[in-house]
Amino acid sequence: MATHVVVYTMQGCPHCVDFKEMLQKEDIDFVDRDIEENDEEYQVFVEVTKNDYVPALLIIEEGDESYKSFLYAPERDYNELTEALEIIKKHL
């Protein structure tokens, strides 16, 4: 099973910069999705989670014949960046 980590970020967001640095330091591969460049995609995330804070997470677990996706939003699923990191690690 492969796991893909997508992190929704915004330019100028210090928390986003810090979180991406944490992921790089932990050697965790991720796809950075700028919410301004991927607005339509991010709006779907916002509708589903009822939350528009960043950095936000989409984790996709790829099985042999299926996919499972998990959405995690700040102040809904975690309050600290370290908590978000632990969420990702549980999926890896």
Protein backbone atom coordinates (compact mmCIF):
# COMPACT_ATOMS: atom_id res chain seq x y z
CA MET A 1 0.00 0.00 0.00
CA ALA A 2 1.32 3.43 -0.95
CA THR A 3 0.50 6.56 0.98
CA HIS A 4 0.45 10.01 -0.61
CA VAL A 5 0.54 13.20 1.45
CA VAL A 6 -0.86 16.43 0.05
CA VAL A 7 -0.37 19.63 2.04
CA TYR A 8 -2.51 22.65 1.20
CA THR A 9 -0.53 25.82 1.83
CA MET A 10 -0.64 29.53 1.11
CA GLN A 11 2.17 31.88 0.15
CA GLY A 12 3.19 34.11 3.04
CA CYS A 13 1.89 31.67 5.67
CA PRO A 14 4.60 31.18 8.32
CA HIS A 15 2.89 28.05 9.68
CA CYS A 16 2.96 26.53 6.19
CA VAL A 17 6.66 27.25 5.81
CA ASP A 18 7.39 25.75 9.24
CA PHE A 19 5.31 22.67 8.50
CA LYS A 20 6.96 22.01 5.14
CA GLU A 21 10.36 22.33 6.82
CA MET A 22 9.25 19.81 9.47
CA LEU A 23 8.18 17.34 6.78
CA GLN A 24 11.47 17.75 4.91
CA LYS A 25 13.46 17.29 8.11
CA GLU A 26 11.52 14.05 8.80
CA ASP A 27 12.17 12.96 5.19
CA ILE A 28 8.44 12.70 4.45
CA ASP A 29 7.53 13.04 0.78
CA PHE A 30 4.61 15.35 0.14
CA VAL A 31 2.91 17.33 -2.59
CA ASP A 32 2.61 21.05 -1.86
CA ARG A 33 -0.67 22.47 -3.19
CA ASP A 34 -0.85 26.26 -3.08
CA ILE A 35 -4.49 27.13 -2.38
CA GLU A 36 -4.41 30.16 -4.66
CA GLU A 37 -3.13 28.13 -7.62
CA ASN A 38 -5.52 25.25 -6.85
CA ASP A 39 -8.53 27.24 -5.70
CA GLU A 40 -11.28 24.96 -7.04
CA GLU A 41 -9.67 21.89 -5.51
CA TYR A 42 -9.19 23.65 -2.19
CA GLN A 43 -12.80 24.88 -2.17
CA VAL A 44 -13.97 21.26 -2.28
CA PHE A 45 -11.74 20.58 0.75
CA VAL A 46 -13.25 23.60 2.55
CA GLU A 47 -16.81 22.46 1.80
CA VAL A 48 -16.16 18.97 3.12
CA THR A 49 -14.24 19.99 6.26
CA LYS A 50 -16.12 23.24 6.98
CA ASN A 51 -12.67 24.72 7.62
CA ASP A 52 -10.47 27.02 5.53
CA TYR A 53 -7.29 27.17 7.60
CA VAL A 54 -3.87 26.08 6.36
CA PRO A 55 -1.73 24.06 6.38
CA ALA A 56 -4.36 21.42 5.73
CA LEU A 57 -3.79 17.77 4.89
CA LEU A 58 -5.11 15.27 2.39
CA ILE A 59 -3.74 11.78 2.87
CA ILE A 60 -4.44 9.17 0.22
CA GLU A 61 -3.85 5.50 0.95
CA GLU A 62 -3.57 3.52 -2.26
CA GLY A 63 -4.46 -0.15 -1.99
CA ASP A 64 -4.35 -2.89 -4.63
CA GLU A 65 -7.77 -2.00 -6.00
CA SER A 66 -8.98 0.92 -3.93
CA TYR A 67 -8.14 4.31 -2.49
CA LYS A 68 -8.96 5.81 0.88
CA SER A 69 -8.68 9.53 1.51
CA PHE A 70 -8.46 11.36 4.80
CA LEU A 71 -8.88 15.11 5.28
CA TYR A 72 -7.35 16.89 8.25
CA ALA A 73 -7.83 20.57 8.99
CA PRO A 74 -6.23 22.87 11.57
CA GLU A 75 -8.34 23.72 14.61
CA ARG A 76 -10.65 20.85 13.66
CA ASP A 77 -8.29 17.86 13.75
CA TYR A 78 -5.12 19.34 15.22
CA ASN A 79 -3.98 22.50 16.95
CA GLU A 80 -0.21 22.22 16.73
CA LEU A 81 1.99 21.43 13.74
CA THR A 82 3.56 18.62 15.73
CA GLU A 83 0.11 17.02 16.00
CA ALA A 84 -0.31 17.25 12.22
CA LEU A 85 3.07 15.59 11.78
CA GLU A 86 2.01 12.73 14.06
CA ILE A 87 -1.20 12.28 12.06
CA ILE A 88 0.85 11.84 8.90
CA LYS A 89 3.26 9.44 10.58
CA LYS A 90 0.34 7.22 11.66
CA HIS A 91 -0.64 6.83 8.02
CA LEU A 92 2.86 6.01 6.80
